[in-house]
Protein backbone atom coordinates (compact mmCIF):
# COMPACT_ATOMS: atom_id res chain seq x y z
CA MET A 1 99.48 62.73 78.71
CA TYR A 2 97.22 60.45 76.91
CA SER A 3 93.69 62.31 77.07
CA ARG A 4 90.64 62.39 74.63
CA GLY A 5 92.02 65.95 73.74
CA SER A 6 95.96 64.77 73.18
CA VAL A 7 97.39 64.66 69.86
CA ILE A 8 98.20 60.71 70.33
CA PRO A 9 94.87 59.04 69.80
CA MET A 10 94.63 61.37 66.64
CA PHE A 11 98.03 60.08 65.55
CA VAL A 12 96.96 56.26 65.92
CA LYS A 13 93.96 57.05 64.15
CA GLN A 14 95.93 58.92 61.27
CA LEU A 15 98.22 56.14 60.99
CA GLU A 16 95.45 52.97 61.80
CA SER A 17 93.93 54.62 58.49
CA GLY A 18 96.59 55.04 56.21
CA GLN A 19 96.65 58.84 56.47
CA PRO A 20 99.91 61.15 56.48
CA LEU A 21 100.60 62.32 60.65
CA THR A 22 99.20 66.11 61.17
CA LEU A 23 101.53 68.70 63.06
CA THR A 24 100.71 72.20 63.12
CA GLU A 25 104.52 72.96 64.08
CA PRO A 26 107.40 69.83 64.27
CA HIS A 27 109.27 72.27 66.60
CA MET A 28 106.44 73.16 69.22
CA THR A 29 107.25 71.34 72.55
CA ARG A 30 105.06 70.14 74.92
CA PHE A 31 105.66 68.93 78.27
CA LEU A 32 105.20 65.06 79.03
CA MET A 33 103.92 63.53 82.01
CA SER A 34 102.63 59.95 82.78
CA LEU A 35 99.73 59.57 85.12
CA ASP A 36 101.99 57.72 87.98
CA GLN A 37 104.29 61.00 87.84
CA SER A 38 101.20 62.59 87.90
CA VAL A 39 100.01 61.06 91.05
CA ASP A 40 103.59 61.23 92.62
CA LEU A 41 103.65 65.27 91.57
CA VAL A 42 99.78 65.51 94.07
CA TYR A 43 101.80 63.14 96.66
CA HIS A 44 104.43 65.14 96.56
CA ALA A 45 102.48 68.42 97.62
CA PHE A 46 100.08 66.71 100.14
CA LEU A 47 103.66 66.20 102.29
CA ASN A 48 105.36 69.00 101.61
CA ALA A 49 102.62 72.11 100.88
CA ALA A 50 101.96 75.03 103.09
CA PRO A 51 98.76 76.72 102.18
CA GLY A 52 99.34 78.70 99.05
CA ASP A 53 102.19 77.03 97.56
CA LEU A 54 102.33 75.73 93.70
CA PHE A 55 104.08 72.77 93.04
CA VAL A 56 105.67 71.95 89.33
CA ARG A 57 107.58 68.82 88.48
CA LYS A 58 110.31 69.04 86.18
CA ALA A 59 109.28 67.63 83.50
CA PRO A 60 110.62 66.36 80.27
CA ALA A 61 109.67 67.67 77.02
CA SER A 62 109.29 66.58 73.67
CA THR A 63 108.93 68.39 70.30
CA VAL A 64 105.65 67.30 68.39
CA HIS A 65 107.45 65.72 65.64
CA THR A 66 109.47 63.52 68.35
CA LEU A 67 106.31 62.63 69.66
CA ALA A 68 104.63 61.21 66.27
CA LEU A 69 107.60 59.84 65.38
CA ALA A 70 107.42 57.60 69.09
CA VAL A 71 104.07 56.72 68.23
CA ALA A 72 104.27 55.55 64.73
CA SER A 73 107.22 53.63 66.13
CA LEU A 74 105.32 51.30 68.47
CA LEU A 75 102.82 50.98 66.21
CA GLY A 76 105.07 49.50 63.81
CA TYR A 77 105.31 52.49 61.07
CA ASP A 78 109.16 53.38 61.23
CA GLU A 79 108.96 56.17 58.60
CA PRO A 80 105.85 57.77 58.51
CA GLU A 81 104.35 60.20 56.38
CA VAL A 82 103.85 63.52 58.06
CA ARG A 83 102.14 66.51 57.06
CA VAL A 84 102.78 69.82 58.35
CA ILE A 85 99.67 72.21 58.32
CA GLY A 86 100.47 74.89 60.55
CA VAL A 87 100.44 76.61 63.69
CA ARG A 88 96.55 77.33 65.06
CA HIS A 89 94.90 80.59 65.85
CA GLY A 90 96.19 80.96 69.39
CA GLU A 91 98.34 77.86 70.21
CA LYS A 92 101.33 78.18 71.50
CA MET A 93 105.09 77.21 70.49
CA HIS A 94 106.20 76.46 74.07
CA GLU A 95 104.01 75.73 77.28
CA THR A 96 105.14 77.86 80.07
CA LEU A 97 104.42 76.21 83.79
CA LEU A 98 106.58 78.68 85.66
CA SER A 99 107.26 82.59 84.59
CA ARG A 100 110.86 84.03 85.31
CA GLU A 101 108.76 85.95 88.36
CA GLU A 102 107.94 82.53 90.04
CA MET A 103 111.27 81.07 89.33
CA VAL A 104 112.98 83.85 91.43
CA THR A 105 111.21 82.63 94.44
CA ALA A 106 111.21 78.54 93.84
CA GLU A 107 112.50 76.15 95.97
CA ASP A 108 114.52 73.56 94.00
CA GLN A 109 113.00 70.48 95.86
CA GLY A 110 115.09 67.74 93.37
CA GLY A 111 112.81 66.42 91.10
CA TYR A 112 109.42 69.81 92.10
CA PHE A 113 109.65 73.28 92.52
CA ARG A 114 107.65 74.84 94.92
CA VAL A 115 106.50 78.24 94.59
CA PRO A 116 105.54 79.73 98.27
CA LEU A 117 102.78 81.87 98.07
CA ASP A 118 103.44 85.49 97.82
CA ALA A 119 102.16 87.16 100.65
CA ARG A 120 103.86 90.39 100.29
CA SER A 121 102.20 93.77 100.70
CA MET A 122 101.30 95.97 98.23
CA GLN A 123 103.04 98.85 99.64
CA TYR A 124 105.25 99.62 96.67
CA GLU A 125 106.90 102.48 98.40
CA LEU A 126 109.05 99.69 99.98
CA TYR A 127 109.94 98.87 96.71
CA PHE A 128 110.82 102.33 95.41
CA ASP A 129 114.12 102.09 95.77
CA GLU A 130 115.46 98.73 95.28
CA GLY A 131 113.98 96.36 92.42
CA ASP A 132 114.93 92.79 92.61
CA THR A 133 117.88 91.81 90.22
CA LYS A 134 117.73 88.17 90.41
CA THR A 135 114.79 88.43 88.39
CA ALA A 136 116.36 89.65 85.00
CA ARG A 137 118.72 86.85 85.28
CA LEU A 138 116.08 84.14 85.01
CA ASP A 139 114.40 82.62 82.23
CA ASP A 140 110.79 81.19 82.19
CA TYR A 141 110.50 77.31 82.97
CA THR A 142 109.13 76.10 79.52
CA SER A 143 108.93 73.18 77.57
CA GLU A 144 111.55 74.64 74.95
CA ASN A 145 113.98 75.05 78.07
CA ALA A 146 112.91 71.66 79.64
CA GLU A 147 115.11 68.29 79.15
CA ARG A 148 114.01 67.31 75.93
CA LEU A 149 113.51 63.37 75.31
CA THR A 150 114.52 61.67 72.31
CA VAL A 151 112.24 59.36 69.85
CA GLU A 152 113.77 56.32 72.24
CA GLN A 153 113.09 58.05 75.82
CA THR A 154 109.85 59.14 74.69
CA ARG A 155 108.78 55.84 73.25
CA GLU A 156 109.60 54.86 76.95
CA LEU A 157 107.61 57.19 78.27
CA LEU A 158 104.79 55.87 75.72
CA LEU A 159 104.91 52.35 76.99
CA THR A 160 104.16 53.30 80.77
CA LEU A 161 100.63 54.53 79.75
CA PRO A 162 98.15 51.45 80.23
CA GLU A 163 96.85 52.89 76.53
CA PHE A 164 100.22 51.47 75.24
CA GLU A 165 101.10 48.30 77.76
CA ALA A 166 99.82 45.67 74.95
CA LEU A 167 102.72 47.01 72.76
CA LYS A 168 105.65 46.67 75.43
CA VAL A 169 105.59 42.47 74.04
CA GLY A 170 105.99 44.14 70.54
CA ALA A 171 108.39 46.88 71.41
CA ALA A 172 111.13 44.67 73.41
């Protein structure tokens, strides 16, 4: 969640230099997952996977605006100036972790989805008369329709990151 390419270091740099926080689109959503949660996902997959399985953690999401406000709050900026710069070329409004086609075969394992390998044959004549009606009733699993975090919940998640641990004393 906090890497060299993420927006968090950019927000920190902007706040510390007195610049406004720049957001491409405030309603844009992203999944949030700590390093510990990522390790838990790998461990869960290790214990439960069959060859070819895909595992997705049911991660919460946040708008970019909520994330910016949470970072600012942790650094002591209660009402930061925000400047919207617009969506960049090729940038998606929401992340998609599973398509509706994958959701049809996904097994709900509590905090995770397991999508087994699709090993069906390519003999399309077997499916000529009958389609799959379940697909039409499902949605993709995206950061738009996942659990949405509040500013306070985003703050709490950020405080689990080593980069923000020093701020825990001030956040209490």
